Each structure stands twice: as structure tokens, then as C-alpha cells.
């Protein structure tokens, strides 16, 4: 098992789902992490401010960082 695969397998998506309930989270067969906002359709003005409807990352640490940043920016939606 490569170090990259080991990192992905050690990361528990259920823990992330509990931590980020406003997002639908999954990991693709290729090992890419994806999240899309649950029940929110962003307006163009929100997107212009840097919010994203869906985010993705190749590793868990970058994924969590994206989700945290997006959550902070979305306060007030």
C-alpha cells in the first residue's frame, strides 16, 4: 500500500460527515475527496465572494482545509 492510499484509508468519512453536516461528502474510487453543499444553491454573488458549491481535494488534509475555509466564508448564508 502506498503512503497516499494509507492516508486515505485512515481518514474516516463518517467523522467528517459529523463535523461538516452542511455538506454531502464522499470519496471517489480514484481516492479523490468531494463535498457538495446540502440544500443550498449558491447565488452568483456568493460565488463571486469565493464560495463554491462543490469542492474536491486529492488528500484528506487539503479537503478538511477547504471545508473549513468554505464554512467560515458561508456564515450568514
Protein backbone atom coordinates (compact mmCIF):
# COMPACT_ATOMS: atom_id res chain seq x y z
CA UNK A 1 0.00 0.00 0.00
CA UNK A 2 1.37 3.40 -0.96
CA UNK A 3 1.58 6.20 1.63
CA UNK A 4 -1.10 8.07 -0.35
CA UNK A 5 -3.51 5.12 -0.13
CA UNK A 6 -2.74 4.66 3.56
CA UNK A 7 -3.63 8.30 4.27
CA UNK A 8 -6.98 7.96 2.50
CA UNK A 9 -7.89 4.72 4.25
CA UNK A 10 -7.09 6.11 7.69
CA UNK A 11 -9.44 9.04 7.16
CA UNK A 12 -12.95 8.26 8.38
CA UNK A 13 -15.59 9.96 6.22
CA UNK A 14 -18.22 9.39 8.91
CA UNK A 15 -16.23 11.60 11.27
CA UNK A 16 -16.03 14.27 8.59
CA UNK A 17 -19.75 13.99 7.86
CA UNK A 18 -20.47 14.63 11.54
CA UNK A 19 -18.08 17.59 11.58
CA UNK A 20 -19.48 19.15 8.39
CA UNK A 21 -23.23 18.39 8.37
CA UNK A 22 -23.98 21.11 5.81
CA UNK A 23 -22.09 19.11 3.18
CA UNK A 24 -22.60 15.80 1.36
CA UNK A 25 -19.19 14.07 1.41
CA UNK A 26 -17.76 11.13 -0.50
CA UNK A 27 -14.51 9.71 -1.76
CA UNK A 28 -14.31 8.53 -5.36
CA UNK A 29 -12.91 5.18 -6.45
CA UNK A 30 -9.82 7.10 -7.55
CA UNK A 31 -9.36 8.36 -3.98
CA UNK A 32 -10.43 11.96 -4.57
CA UNK A 33 -12.46 13.59 -1.79
CA UNK A 34 -15.59 15.53 -2.84
CA UNK A 35 -18.14 17.62 -0.96
CA UNK A 36 -21.18 19.49 -2.18
CA UNK A 37 -23.39 21.79 -0.17
CA UNK A 38 -26.51 20.18 1.27
CA UNK A 39 -29.73 22.04 0.41
CA UNK A 40 -28.01 25.27 -0.63
CA UNK A 41 -27.87 26.74 -4.10
CA UNK A 42 -25.29 29.49 -4.20
CA UNK A 43 -26.11 32.78 -5.86
CA UNK A 44 -23.72 34.39 -8.30
CA UNK A 45 -22.83 36.98 -5.65
CA UNK A 46 -21.85 34.18 -3.25
CA UNK A 47 -19.64 32.58 -5.88
CA UNK A 48 -18.05 35.95 -6.60
CA UNK A 49 -17.11 36.09 -2.89
CA UNK A 50 -15.24 32.79 -3.23
CA UNK A 51 -17.87 30.30 -2.11
CA UNK A 52 -18.04 27.04 -4.04
CA UNK A 53 -20.99 24.70 -4.50
CA UNK A 54 -18.68 21.68 -4.65
CA UNK A 55 -15.09 21.23 -3.51
CA UNK A 56 -12.58 18.46 -4.08
CA UNK A 57 -9.09 17.54 -2.98
CA UNK A 58 -6.65 14.70 -3.51
CA UNK A 59 -5.76 14.35 0.16
CA UNK A 60 -7.69 14.50 3.41
CA UNK A 61 -5.76 17.39 4.93
CA UNK A 62 -6.40 19.67 1.95
CA UNK A 63 -10.03 18.53 1.89
CA UNK A 64 -10.61 19.45 5.53
CA UNK A 65 -8.88 22.78 5.00
CA UNK A 66 -11.18 23.57 2.05
CA UNK A 67 -14.27 22.64 4.05
CA UNK A 68 -13.20 24.79 7.00
CA UNK A 69 -12.49 27.77 4.75
CA UNK A 70 -15.79 27.40 2.93
CA UNK A 71 -17.69 27.03 6.20
CA UNK A 72 -16.13 30.21 7.59
CA UNK A 73 -16.94 32.17 4.42
CA UNK A 74 -20.54 30.89 4.36
CA UNK A 75 -21.56 32.33 7.71
CA UNK A 76 -24.80 34.16 7.09
CA UNK A 77 -25.99 32.22 4.04
